[in-house]
């Protein structure tokens, strides 16, 4: 199973496989055709409330990750997570995020859950 995390602003690569945007909002200044996004499962992204809470600096990354995992346990998000996991079993999946630090973002949480 191959799951990658990349910034959506980086040019697509041939080894990206299925490109999945994991942000709730479309990245600023990026044309949809340039992003080459294959899937955009918005219900699998952090809720607006959780995203705002984390970006306000009110909690640690570990607390954010725990809250996000709880959101991913909800039926709709869990179903989408299973779908992306199935895609990863078939080939490479690249999780795309606009986050400046993808390794400390929700994309890293998703990648870990998909790999486990």
PDB file of N, CA and C in Angstrom:
ATOM      1  N   UNK A   1       0.851  -1.166   0.000  1.00  0.00           N
ATOM      2  CA  UNK A   1       0.000   0.000   0.000  1.00  0.00           C
ATOM      3  C   UNK A   1       0.898   1.231   0.000  1.00  0.00           C
ATOM      4  N   UNK A   2       0.686   2.109  -0.956  1.00  0.00           N
ATOM      5  CA  UNK A   2       1.501   3.312  -1.056  1.00  0.00           C
ATOM      6  C   UNK A   2       0.639   4.547  -0.904  1.00  0.00           C
ATOM      7  N   UNK A   3       0.890   5.297   0.171  1.00  0.00           N
ATOM      8  CA  UNK A   3       0.169   6.542   0.438  1.00  0.00           C
ATOM      9  C   UNK A   3       1.207   7.643   0.579  1.00  0.00           C
ATOM     10  N   UNK A   4       1.054   8.667  -0.229  1.00  0.00           N
ATOM     11  CA  UNK A   4       1.959   9.810  -0.198  1.00  0.00           C
ATOM     12  C   UNK A   4       1.206  11.047   0.253  1.00  0.00           C
ATOM     13  N   UNK A   5       1.925  12.009   0.805  1.00  0.00           N
ATOM     14  CA  UNK A   5       1.359  13.311   1.162  1.00  0.00           C
ATOM     15  C   UNK A   5       2.180  14.367   0.449  1.00  0.00           C
ATOM     16  N   UNK A   6       1.490  15.235  -0.282  1.00  0.00           N
ATOM     17  CA  UNK A   6       2.170  16.309  -1.013  1.00  0.00           C
ATOM     18  C   UNK A   6       1.346  17.580  -0.934  1.00  0.00           C
ATOM     19  N   UNK A   7       2.020  18.690  -1.150  1.00  0.00           N
ATOM     20  CA  UNK A   7       1.298  19.960  -1.254  1.00  0.00           C
ATOM     21  C   UNK A   7       0.620  20.013  -2.621  1.00  0.00           C
ATOM     22  N   UNK A   8      -0.592  20.496  -2.641  1.00  0.00           N
ATOM     23  CA  UNK A   8      -1.363  20.553  -3.881  1.00  0.00           C
ATOM     24  C   UNK A   8      -0.744  21.544  -4.871  1.00  0.00           C
ATOM     25  N   UNK A   9       0.053  22.477  -4.378  1.00  0.00           N
ATOM     26  CA  UNK A   9       0.685  23.464  -5.247  1.00  0.00           C
ATOM     27  C   UNK A   9       1.898  22.907  -5.994  1.00  0.00           C
ATOM     28  N   UNK A  10       2.396  21.743  -5.585  1.00  0.00           N
ATOM     29  CA  UNK A  10       3.509  21.122  -6.297  1.00  0.00           C
ATOM     30  C   UNK A  10       2.985  20.528  -7.603  1.00  0.00           C
ATOM     31  N   UNK A  11       3.790  20.580  -8.667  1.00  0.00           N
ATOM     32  CA  UNK A  11       3.321  20.024  -9.943  1.00  0.00           C
ATOM     33  C   UNK A  11       3.046  18.517  -9.816  1.00  0.00           C
ATOM     34  N   UNK A  12       2.010  18.036 -10.485  1.00  0.00           N
ATOM     35  CA  UNK A  12       1.731  16.599 -10.474  1.00  0.00           C
ATOM     36  C   UNK A  12       2.916  15.807 -11.009  1.00  0.00           C
ATOM     37  N   UNK A  13       3.099  14.597 -10.453  1.00  0.00           N
ATOM     38  CA  UNK A  13       4.158  13.706 -10.905  1.00  0.00           C
ATOM     39  C   UNK A  13       3.540  12.419 -11.433  1.00  0.00           C
ATOM     40  N   UNK A  14       4.251  11.735 -12.291  1.00  0.00           N
ATOM     41  CA  UNK A  14       3.726  10.502 -12.884  1.00  0.00           C
ATOM     42  C   UNK A  14       3.479   9.425 -11.831  1.00  0.00           C
ATOM     43  N   UNK A  15       4.208   9.443 -10.727  1.00  0.00           N
ATOM     44  CA  UNK A  15       4.053   8.436  -9.684  1.00  0.00           C
ATOM     45  C   UNK A  15       3.001   8.753  -8.647  1.00  0.00           C
ATOM     46  N   UNK A  16       2.214   9.809  -8.858  1.00  0.00           N
ATOM     47  CA  UNK A  16       1.203  10.201  -7.872  1.00  0.00           C
ATOM     48  C   UNK A  16       0.049   9.218  -7.765  1.00  0.00           C
ATOM     49  N   UNK A  17      -0.234   8.497  -8.796  1.00  0.00           N
ATOM     50  CA  UNK A  17      -1.390   7.604  -8.767  1.00  0.00           C
ATOM     51  C   UNK A  17      -2.679   8.405  -8.679  1.00  0.00           C
ATOM     52  N   UNK A  18      -3.588   7.978  -7.806  1.00  0.00           N
ATOM     53  CA  UNK A  18      -4.849   8.691  -7.619  1.00  0.00           C
ATOM     54  C   UNK A  18      -4.575   9.886  -6.707  1.00  0.00           C
ATOM     55  N   UNK A  19      -4.914  11.072  -7.191  1.00  0.00           N
ATOM     56  CA  UNK A  19      -4.673  12.314  -6.440  1.00  0.00           C
ATOM     57  C   UNK A  19      -5.954  12.709  -5.712  1.00  0.00           C
ATOM     58  N   UNK A  20      -5.862  12.758  -4.376  1.00  0.00           N
ATOM     59  CA  UNK A  20      -7.039  13.008  -3.536  1.00  0.00           C
ATOM     60  C   UNK A  20      -6.819  14.291  -2.747  1.00  0.00           C
ATOM     61  N   UNK A  21      -7.637  15.298  -3.009  1.00  0.00           N
ATOM     62  CA  UNK A  21      -7.577  16.541  -2.246  1.00  0.00           C
ATOM     63  C   UNK A  21      -8.252  16.307  -0.906  1.00  0.00           C
ATOM     64  N   UNK A  22      -7.525  16.572   0.186  1.00  0.00           N
ATOM     65  CA  UNK A  22      -8.052  16.289   1.517  1.00  0.00           C
ATOM     66  C   UNK A  22      -8.308  17.566   2.321  1.00  0.00           C
ATOM     67  N   UNK A  23      -8.457  18.690   1.626  1.00  0.00           N
ATOM     68  CA  UNK A  23      -8.834  19.960   2.264  1.00  0.00           C
ATOM     69  C   UNK A  23     -10.304  20.234   1.997  1.00  0.00           C
ATOM     70  N   UNK A  24     -10.966  20.849   2.960  1.00  0.00           N
ATOM     71  CA  UNK A  24     -12.385  21.171   2.797  1.00  0.00           C
ATOM     72  C   UNK A  24     -12.582  22.304   1.788  1.00  0.00           C
ATOM     73  N   UNK A  25     -11.644  23.246   1.768  1.00  0.00           N
ATOM     74  CA  UNK A  25     -11.740  24.399   0.870  1.00  0.00           C
ATOM     75  C   UNK A  25     -10.797  24.218  -0.305  1.00  0.00           C
ATOM     76  N   UNK A  26     -11.225  24.721  -1.481  1.00  0.00           N
ATOM     77  CA  UNK A  26     -10.352  24.650  -2.647  1.00  0.00           C
ATOM     78  C   UNK A  26      -9.158  25.569  -2.409  1.00  0.00           C
ATOM     79  N   UNK A  27      -7.938  25.133  -2.766  1.00  0.00           N
ATOM     80  CA  UNK A  27      -6.736  25.938  -2.543  1.00  0.00           C
ATOM     81  C   UNK A  27      -6.774  27.259  -3.314  1.00  0.00           C
ATOM     82  N   UNK A  28      -6.389  28.303  -2.631  1.00  0.00           N
ATOM     83  CA  UNK A  28      -6.395  29.643  -3.236  1.00  0.00           C
ATOM     84  C   UNK A  28      -5.438  29.727  -4.418  1.00  0.00           C
ATOM     85  N   UNK A  29      -5.921  30.375  -5.470  1.00  0.00           N
ATOM     86  CA  UNK A  29      -5.071  30.667  -6.616  1.00  0.00           C
ATOM     87  C   UNK A  29      -4.713  29.482  -7.490  1.00  0.00           C
ATOM     88  N   UNK A  30      -5.347  28.355  -7.270  1.00  0.00           N
ATOM     89  CA  UNK A  30      -5.014  27.155  -8.046  1.00  0.00           C
ATOM     90  C   UNK A  30      -6.171  26.802  -8.981  1.00  0.00           C
ATOM     91  N   UNK A  31      -5.878  26.757 -10.262  1.00  0.00           N
ATOM     92  CA  UNK A  31      -6.895  26.379 -11.243  1.00  0.00           C
ATOM     93  C   UNK A  31      -7.198  24.894 -11.112  1.00  0.00           C
ATOM     94  N   UNK A  32      -8.448  24.538 -11.255  1.00  0.00           N
ATOM     95  CA  UNK A  32      -8.846  23.140 -11.080  1.00  0.00           C
ATOM     96  C   UNK A  32      -8.168  22.209 -12.080  1.00  0.00           C
ATOM     97  N   UNK A  33      -7.980  22.648 -13.299  1.00  0.00           N
ATOM     98  CA  UNK A  33      -7.333  21.774 -14.280  1.00  0.00           C
ATOM     99  C   UNK A  33      -5.843  21.610 -13.980  1.00  0.00           C
ATOM    100  N   UNK A  34      -5.207  22.600 -13.390  1.00  0.00           N
ATOM    101  CA  UNK A  34      -3.781  22.506 -13.055  1.00  0.00           C
ATOM    102  C   UNK A  34      -3.547  21.567 -11.869  1.00  0.00           C
ATOM    103  N   UNK A  35      -4.532  21.449 -10.987  1.00  0.00           N
ATOM    104  CA  UNK A  35      -4.378  20.621  -9.785  1.00  0.00           C
ATOM    105  C   UNK A  35      -4.451  19.138 -10.096  1.00  0.00           C
ATOM    106  N   UNK A  36      -5.161  18.791 -11.152  1.00  0.00           N
ATOM    107  CA  UNK A  36      -5.339  17.381 -11.537  1.00  0.00           C
ATOM    108  C   UNK A  36      -5.776  16.517 -10.352  1.00  0.00           C
ATOM    109  N   UNK A  37      -6.841  16.949  -9.717  1.00  0.00           N
ATOM    110  CA  UNK A  37      -7.405  16.216  -8.580  1.00  0.00           C
ATOM    111  C   UNK A  37      -8.369  15.170  -9.118  1.00  0.00           C
ATOM    112  N   UNK A  38      -8.191  13.927  -8.654  1.00  0.00           N
ATOM    113  CA  UNK A  38      -9.077  12.846  -9.085  1.00  0.00           C
ATOM    114  C   UNK A  38     -10.290  12.715  -8.174  1.00  0.00           C
ATOM    115  N   UNK A  39     -10.085  12.944  -6.872  1.00  0.00           N
ATOM    116  CA  UNK A  39     -11.184  12.820  -5.909  1.00  0.00           C
ATOM    117  C   UNK A  39     -11.057  13.928  -4.879  1.00  0.00           C
ATOM    118  N   UNK A  40     -12.233  14.350  -4.361  1.00  0.00           N
ATOM    119  CA  UNK A  40     -12.277  15.402  -3.350  1.00  0.00           C
ATOM    120  C   UNK A  40     -13.352  15.036  -2.326  1.00  0.00           C
ATOM    121  N   UNK A  41     -13.052  14.125  -1.422  1.00  0.00           N
ATOM    122  CA  UNK A  41     -14.037  13.668  -0.433  1.00  0.00           C
ATOM    123  C   UNK A  41     -14.158  14.640   0.749  1.00  0.00           C
ATOM    124  N   UNK A  42     -14.948  15.686   0.567  1.00  0.00           N
ATOM    125  CA  UNK A  42     -15.043  16.749   1.572  1.00  0.00           C
ATOM    126  C   UNK A  42     -15.495  16.242   2.939  1.00  0.00           C
ATOM    127  N   UNK A  43     -16.335  15.229   2.981  1.00  0.00           N
ATOM    128  CA  UNK A  43     -16.827  14.719   4.267  1.00  0.00           C
ATOM    129  C   UNK A  43     -15.736  14.006   5.057  1.00  0.00           C
ATOM    130  N   UNK A  44     -14.586  13.788   4.442  1.00  0.00           N
ATOM    131  CA  UNK A  44     -13.472  13.125   5.113  1.00  0.00           C
ATOM    132  C   UNK A  44     -12.470  14.158   5.646  1.00  0.00           C
ATOM    133  N   UNK A  45     -12.724  15.426   5.398  1.00  0.00           N
ATOM    134  CA  UNK A  45     -11.817  16.484   5.838  1.00  0.00           C
ATOM    135  C   UNK A  45     -12.217  16.950   7.237  1.00  0.00           C
ATOM    136  N   UNK A  46     -11.304  17.615   7.951  1.00  0.00           N
ATOM    137  CA  UNK A  46     -11.667  18.109   9.284  1.00  0.00           C
ATOM    138  C   UNK A  46     -12.836  19.096   9.201  1.00  0.00           C
ATOM    139  N   UNK A  47     -13.687  19.051  10.201  1.00  0.00           N
ATOM    140  CA  UNK A  47     -14.819  19.980  10.234  1.00  0.00           C
ATOM    141  C   UNK A  47     -14.314  21.416  10.319  1.00  0.00           C
ATOM    142  N   UNK A  48     -15.149  22.340   9.917  1.00  0.00           N
ATOM    143  CA  UNK A  48     -14.788  23.755   9.994  1.00  0.00           C
ATOM    144  C   UNK A  48     -14.448  24.143  11.421  1.00  0.00           C
ATOM    145  N   UNK A  49     -15.227  23.656  12.375  1.00  0.00           N
ATOM    146  CA  UNK A  49     -14.981  23.985  13.782  1.00  0.00           C
ATOM    147  C   UNK A  49     -13.611  23.472  14.236  1.00  0.00           C
ATOM    148  N   UNK A  50     -13.280  22.229  13.889  1.00  0.00           N
ATOM    149  CA  UNK A  50     -12.001  21.654  14.285  1.00  0.00           C
ATOM    150  C   UNK A  50     -10.846  22.386  13.603  1.00  0.00           C
ATOM    151  N   UNK A  51     -11.011  22.691  12.342  1.00  0.00           N
ATOM    152  CA  UNK A  51      -9.968  23.395  11.600  1.00  0.00           C
ATOM    153  C   UNK A  51      -9.699  24.766  12.220  1.00  0.00           C
ATOM    154  N   UNK A  52     -10.760  25.499  12.527  1.00  0.00           N
ATOM    155  CA  UNK A  52     -10.606  26.829  13.141  1.00  0.00           C
ATOM    156  C   UNK A  52      -9.972  26.727  14.519  1.00  0.00           C
ATOM    157  N   UNK A  53     -10.393  25.737  15.297  1.00  0.00           N
ATOM    158  CA  UNK A  53      -9.836  25.538  16.635  1.00  0.00           C
ATOM    159  C   UNK A  53      -8.335  25.300  16.566  1.00  0.00           C
ATOM    160  N   UNK A  54      -7.912  24.419  15.660  1.00  0.00           N
ATOM    161  CA  UNK A  54      -6.497  24.085  15.544  1.00  0.00           C
ATOM    162  C   UNK A  54      -5.677  25.276  15.048  1.00  0.00           C
ATOM    163  N   UNK A  55      -6.182  25.977  14.045  1.00  0.00           N
ATOM    164  CA  UNK A  55      -5.428  27.108  13.477  1.00  0.00           C
ATOM    165  C   UNK A  55      -5.383  28.298  14.432  1.00  0.00           C
ATOM    166  N   UNK A  56      -6.290  28.338  15.382  1.00  0.00           N
ATOM    167  CA  UNK A  56      -6.259  29.406  16.386  1.00  0.00           C
ATOM    168  C   UNK A  56      -5.201  29.135  17.453  1.00  0.00           C
ATOM    169  N   UNK A  57      -4.601  27.947  17.405  1.00  0.00           N
ATOM    170  CA  UNK A  57      -3.549  27.611  18.355  1.00  0.00           C
ATOM    171  C   UNK A  57      -4.055  27.229  19.731  1.00  0.00           C
ATOM    172  N   UNK A  58      -5.293  26.743  19.787  1.00  0.00           N
ATOM    173  CA  UNK A  58      -5.907  26.427  21.078  1.00  0.00           C
ATOM    174  C   UNK A  58      -5.549  25.040  21.603  1.00  0.00           C
ATOM    175  N   UNK A  59      -4.909  24.231  20.804  1.00  0.00           N
ATOM    176  CA  UNK A  59      -4.570  22.884  21.245  1.00  0.00           C
ATOM    177  C   UNK A  59      -3.336  22.366  20.545  1.00  0.00           C
ATOM    178  N   UNK A  60      -2.826  21.260  21.024  1.00  0.00           N
ATOM    179  CA  UNK A  60      -1.635  20.646  20.444  1.00  0.00           C
ATOM    180  C   UNK A  60      -2.009  19.834  19.197  1.00  0.00           C
ATOM    181  N   UNK A  61      -0.989  19.474  18.447  1.00  0.00           N
ATOM    182  CA  UNK A  61      -1.205  18.638  17.273  1.00  0.00           C
ATOM    183  C   UNK A  61      -1.771  17.278  17.687  1.00  0.00           C
ATOM    184  N   UNK A  62      -1.282  16.735  18.791  1.00  0.00           N
ATOM    185  CA  UNK A  62      -1.762  15.435  19.265  1.00  0.00           C
ATOM    186  C   UNK A  62      -3.254  15.496  19.610  1.00  0.00           C
ATOM    187  N   UNK A  63      -3.679  16.592  20.244  1.00  0.00           N
ATOM    188  CA  UNK A  63      -5.101  16.740  20.574  1.00  0.00           C
ATOM    189  C   UNK A  63      -5.930  16.899  19.297  1.00  0.00           C
ATOM    190  N   UNK A  64      -5.403  17.687  18.359  1.00  0.00           N
ATOM    191  CA  UNK A  64      -6.077  17.848  17.076  1.00  0.00           C
ATOM    192  C   UNK A  64      -6.244  16.493  16.392  1.00  0.00           C
ATOM    193  N   UNK A  65      -5.155  15.707  16.363  1.00  0.00           N
ATOM    194  CA  UNK A  65      -5.191  14.402  15.696  1.00  0.00           C
ATOM    195  C   UNK A  65      -6.245  13.502  16.336  1.00  0.00           C
ATOM    196  N   UNK A  66      -6.334  13.509  17.656  1.00  0.00           N
ATOM    197  CA  UNK A  66      -7.340  12.704  18.343  1.00  0.00           C
ATOM    198  C   UNK A  66      -8.756  13.129  18.008  1.00  0.00           C
ATOM    199  N   UNK A  67      -8.986  14.424  17.981  1.00  0.00           N
ATOM    200  CA  UNK A  67     -10.322  14.931  17.636  1.00  0.00           C
ATOM    201  C   UNK A  67     -10.668  14.616  16.185  1.00  0.00           C
ATOM    202  N   UNK A  68      -9.671  14.728  15.322  1.00  0.00           N
ATOM    203  CA  UNK A  68      -9.904  14.435  13.911  1.00  0.00           C
ATOM    204  C   UNK A  68     -10.203  12.949  13.704  1.00  0.00           C
ATOM    205  N   UNK A  69      -9.483  12.093  14.393  1.00  0.00           N
ATOM    206  CA  UNK A  69      -9.758  10.659  14.298  1.00  0.00           C
ATOM    207  C   UNK A  69     -11.181  10.347  14.758  1.00  0.00           C
ATOM    208  N   UNK A  70     -11.662  11.060  15.777  1.00  0.00           N
ATOM    209  CA  UNK A  70     -13.042  10.870  16.237  1.00  0.00           C
ATOM    210  C   UNK A  70     -14.027  11.274  15.135  1.00  0.00           C
ATOM    211  N   UNK A  71     -13.733  12.365  14.431  1.00  0.00           N
ATOM    212  CA  UNK A  71     -14.595  12.774  13.321  1.00  0.00           C
ATOM    213  C   UNK A  71     -14.579  11.731  12.205  1.00  0.00           C
ATOM    214  N   UNK A  72     -13.426  11.140  11.966  1.00  0.00           N
ATOM    215  CA  UNK A  72     -13.311  10.137  10.906  1.00  0.00           C
ATOM    216  C   UNK A  72     -14.033   8.836  11.245  1.00  0.00           C
ATOM    217  N   UNK A  73     -14.409   8.666  12.490  1.00  0.00           N
ATOM    218  CA  UNK A  73     -15.155   7.471  12.893  1.00  0.00           C
ATOM    219  C   UNK A  73     -16.647   7.607  12.578  1.00  0.00           C
ATOM    220  N   UNK A  74     -17.095   8.820  12.253  1.00  0.00           N
ATOM    221  CA  UNK A  74     -18.501   9.021  11.880  1.00  0.00           C
ATOM    222  C   UNK A  74     -18.782   8.267  10.580  1.00  0.00           C
ATOM    223  N   UNK A  75     -20.006   7.753  10.408  1.00  0.00           N
ATOM    224  CA  UNK A  75     -20.300   6.862   9.268  1.00  0.00           C
ATOM    225  C   UNK A  75     -19.903   7.378   7.887  1.00  0.00           C
ATOM    226  N   UNK A  76     -20.261   8.613   7.545  1.00  0.00           N
ATOM    227  CA  UNK A  76     -19.953   9.097   6.196  1.00  0.00           C
ATOM    228  C   UNK A  76     -18.437   9.204   5.985  1.00  0.00           C
ATOM    229  N   UNK A  77     -17.736   9.778   6.961  1.00  0.00           N
ATOM    230  CA  UNK A  77     -16.283   9.918   6.850  1.00  0.00           C
ATOM    231  C   UNK A  77     -15.609   8.548   6.848  1.00  0.00           C
ATOM    232  N   UNK A  78     -16.085   7.635   7.677  1.00  0.00           N
ATOM    233  CA  UNK A  78     -15.497   6.293   7.745  1.00  0.00           C
ATOM    234  C   UNK A  78     -15.651   5.567   6.411  1.00  0.00           C
ATOM    235  N   UNK A  79     -16.788   5.745   5.763  1.00  0.00           N
ATOM    236  CA  UNK A  79     -17.005   5.132   4.457  1.00  0.00           C
ATOM    237  C   UNK A  79     -16.049   5.679   3.408  1.00  0.00           C
ATOM    238  N   UNK A  80     -15.831   6.987   3.441  1.00  0.00           N
ATOM    239  CA  UNK A  80     -14.893   7.590   2.487  1.00  0.00           C
ATOM    240  C   UNK A  80     -13.458   7.157   2.778  1.00  0.00           C
ATOM    241  N   UNK A  81     -13.126   7.054   4.053  1.00  0.00           N
ATOM    242  CA  UNK A  81     -11.793   6.581   4.432  1.00  0.00           C
ATOM    243  C   UNK A  81     -11.568   5.159   3.923  1.00  0.00           C
ATOM    244  N   UNK A  82     -12.575   4.311   4.052  1.00  0.00           N
ATOM    245  CA  UNK A  82     -12.479   2.941   3.528  1.00  0.00           C
ATOM    246  C   UNK A  82     -12.296   2.946   2.008  1.00  0.00           C
ATOM    247  N   UNK A  83     -13.012   3.855   1.338  1.00  0.00           N
ATOM    248  CA  UNK A  83     -12.892   3.962  -0.119  1.00  0.00           C
ATOM    249  C   UNK A  83     -11.461   4.329  -0.521  1.00  0.00           C
ATOM    250  N   UNK A  84     -10.878   5.316   0.155  1.00  0.00           N
ATOM    251  CA  UNK A  84      -9.513   5.733  -0.167  1.00  0.00           C
ATOM    252  C   UNK A  84      -8.530   4.622   0.197  1.00  0.00           C
ATOM    253  N   UNK A  85      -8.798   3.907   1.275  1.00  0.00           N
ATOM    254  CA  UNK A  85      -7.950   2.763   1.650  1.00  0.00           C
ATOM    255  C   UNK A  85      -7.985   1.706   0.544  1.00  0.00           C
ATOM    256  N   UNK A  86      -9.177   1.449  -0.018  1.00  0.00           N
ATOM    257  CA  UNK A  86      -9.293   0.498  -1.128  1.00  0.00           C
ATOM    258  C   UNK A  86      -8.483   0.964  -2.337  1.00  0.00           C
ATOM    259  N   UNK A  87      -8.537   2.270  -2.625  1.00  0.00           N
ATOM    260  CA  UNK A  87      -7.745   2.814  -3.736  1.00  0.00           C
ATOM    261  C   UNK A  87      -6.252   2.585  -3.494  1.00  0.00           C
ATOM    262  N   UNK A  88      -5.820   2.766  -2.240  1.00  0.00           N
ATOM    263  CA  UNK A  88      -4.404   2.589  -1.892  1.00  0.00           C
ATOM    264  C   UNK A  88      -3.968   1.129  -2.014  1.00  0.00           C
ATOM    265  N   UNK A  89      -4.899   0.209  -1.794  1.00  0.00           N
ATOM    266  CA  UNK A  89      -4.569  -1.213  -1.959  1.00  0.00           C
ATOM    267  C   UNK A  89      -4.342  -1.556  -3.424  1.00  0.00           C
ATOM    268  N   UNK A  90      -4.975  -0.792  -4.315  1.00  0.00           N
ATOM    269  CA  UNK A  90      -4.864  -1.045  -5.749  1.00  0.00           C
ATOM    270  C   UNK A  90      -3.663  -0.347  -6.381  1.00  0.00           C
ATOM    271  N   UNK A  91      -3.157   0.690  -5.735  1.00  0.00           N
ATOM    272  CA  UNK A  91      -2.035   1.447  -6.296  1.00  0.00           C
ATOM    273  C   UNK A  91      -1.733   2.652  -5.429  1.00  0.00           C
ATOM    274  N   UNK A  92      -0.896   3.513  -5.917  1.00  0.00           N
ATOM    275  CA  UNK A  92      -0.480   4.687  -5.164  1.00  0.00           C
ATOM    276  C   UNK A  92      -1.618   5.688  -5.031  1.00  0.00           C
ATOM    277  N   UNK A  93      -1.734   6.258  -3.835  1.00  0.00           N
ATOM    278  CA  UNK A  93      -2.665   7.351  -3.560  1.00  0.00           C
ATOM    279  C   UNK A  93      -1.837   8.508  -3.015  1.00  0.00           C
ATOM    280  N   UNK A  94      -2.046   9.690  -3.581  1.00  0.00           N
ATOM    281  CA  UNK A  94      -1.370  10.881  -3.094  1.00  0.00           C
ATOM    282  C   UNK A  94      -2.409  11.794  -2.467  1.00  0.00           C
ATOM    283  N   UNK A  95      -2.234  12.064  -1.172  1.00  0.00           N
ATOM    284  CA  UNK A  95      -3.110  12.978  -0.444  1.00  0.00           C
ATOM    285  C   UNK A  95      -2.573  14.389  -0.648  1.00  0.00           C
ATOM    286  N   UNK A  96      -3.417  15.257  -1.149  1.00  0.00           N
ATOM    287  CA  UNK A  96      -3.015  16.622  -1.467  1.00  0.00           C
ATOM    288  C   UNK A  96      -3.590  17.603  -0.457  1.00  0.00           C
ATOM    289  N   UNK A  97      -2.748  18.511   0.004  1.00  0.00           N
ATOM    290  CA  UNK A  97      -3.183  19.534   0.939  1.00  0.00           C
ATOM    291  C   UNK A  97      -2.499  20.859   0.619  1.00  0.00           C
ATOM    292  N   UNK A  98      -3.152  21.954   0.954  1.00  0.00           N
ATOM    293  CA  UNK A  98      -2.561  23.278   0.784  1.00  0.00           C
ATOM    294  C   UNK A  98      -1.736  23.666   2.002  1.00  0.00           C
ATOM    295  N   UNK A  99      -1.766  22.856   3.027  1.00  0.00           N
ATOM    296  CA  UNK A  99      -1.040  23.148   4.264  1.00  0.00           C
ATOM    297  C   UNK A  99       0.436  23.405   3.983  1.00  0.00           C
ATOM    298  N   UNK A 100       0.979  24.420   4.648  1.00  0.00           N
ATOM    299  CA  UNK A 100       2.399  24.741   4.472  1.00  0.00           C
ATOM    300  C   UNK A 100       3.290  23.683   5.107  1.00  0.00           C
ATOM    301  N   UNK A 101       2.767  22.959   6.088  1.00  0.00           N
ATOM    302  CA  UNK A 101       3.525  21.909   6.766  1.00  0.00           C
ATOM    303  C   UNK A 101       2.693  20.621   6.753  1.00  0.00           C
ATOM    304  N   UNK A 102       2.704  19.909   5.638  1.00  0.00           N
ATOM    305  CA  UNK A 102       1.859  18.716   5.521  1.00  0.00           C
ATOM    306  C   UNK A 102       2.103  17.663   6.597  1.00  0.00           C
ATOM    307  N   UNK A 103       3.313  17.584   7.136  1.00  0.00           N
ATOM    308  CA  UNK A 103       3.617  16.564   8.140  1.00  0.00           C
ATOM    309  C   UNK A 103       3.002  16.879   9.502  1.00  0.00           C
ATOM    310  N   UNK A 104       2.516  18.095   9.690  1.00  0.00           N
ATOM    311  CA  UNK A 104       1.833  18.466  10.937  1.00  0.00           C
ATOM    312  C   UNK A 104       0.399  18.878  10.635  1.00  0.00           C
ATOM    313  N   UNK A 105      -0.183  18.211   9.688  1.00  0.00           N
ATOM    314  CA  UNK A 105      -1.538  18.552   9.266  1.00  0.00           C
ATOM    315  C   UNK A 105      -2.441  17.321   9.326  1.00  0.00           C
ATOM    316  N   UNK A 106      -3.678  17.534   8.998  1.00  0.00           N
ATOM    317  CA  UNK A 106      -4.648  16.439   8.950  1.00  0.00           C
ATOM    318  C   UNK A 106      -4.267  15.401   7.897  1.00  0.00           C
ATOM    319  N   UNK A 107      -3.537  15.829   6.854  1.00  0.00           N
ATOM    320  CA  UNK A 107      -3.119  14.891   5.808  1.00  0.00           C
ATOM    321  C   UNK A 107      -2.194  13.820   6.386  1.00  0.00           C
ATOM    322  N   UNK A 108      -1.357  14.196   7.334  1.00  0.00           N
ATOM    323  CA  UNK A 108      -0.468  13.222   7.974  1.00  0.00           C
ATOM    324  C   UNK A 108      -1.269  12.233   8.822  1.00  0.00           C
ATOM    325  N   UNK A 109      -2.328  12.722   9.473  1.00  0.00           N
ATOM    326  CA  UNK A 109      -3.204  11.845  10.259  1.00  0.00           C
ATOM    327  C   UNK A 109      -3.861  10.835   9.324  1.00  0.00           C
ATOM    328  N   UNK A 110      -4.388  11.329   8.200  1.00  0.00           N
ATOM    329  CA  UNK A 110      -5.028  10.446   7.223  1.00  0.00           C
ATOM    330  C   UNK A 110      -4.046   9.408   6.680  1.00  0.00           C
ATOM    331  N   UNK A 111      -2.856   9.844   6.333  1.00  0.00           N
ATOM    332  CA  UNK A 111      -1.861   8.920   5.794  1.00  0.00           C
ATOM    333  C   UNK A 111      -1.563   7.821   6.793  1.00  0.00           C
ATOM    334  N   UNK A 112      -1.411   8.184   8.061  1.00  0.00           N
ATOM    335  CA  UNK A 112      -1.131   7.170   9.094  1.00  0.00           C
ATOM    336  C   UNK A 112      -2.278   6.185   9.212  1.00  0.00           C
ATOM    337  N   UNK A 113      -3.505   6.688   9.220  1.00  0.00           N
ATOM    338  CA  UNK A 113      -4.667   5.797   9.334  1.00  0.00           C
ATOM    339  C   UNK A 113      -4.797   4.883   8.121  1.00  0.00           C
ATOM    340  N   UNK A 114      -4.490   5.398   6.957  1.00  0.00           N
ATOM    341  CA  UNK A 114      -4.583   4.589   5.745  1.00  0.00           C
ATOM    342  C   UNK A 114      -3.522   3.506   5.718  1.00  0.00           C
ATOM    343  N   UNK A 115      -2.361   3.793   6.251  1.00  0.00           N
ATOM    344  CA  UNK A 115      -1.258   2.829   6.239  1.00  0.00           C
ATOM    345  C   UNK A 115      -1.429   1.750   7.303  1.00  0.00           C
ATOM    346  N   UNK A 116      -2.140   2.061   8.387  1.00  0.00           N
ATOM    347  CA  UNK A 116      -2.316   1.098   9.494  1.00  0.00           C
ATOM    348  C   UNK A 116      -3.250  -0.020   9.111  1.00  0.00           C
TER     349      UNK A 116
END
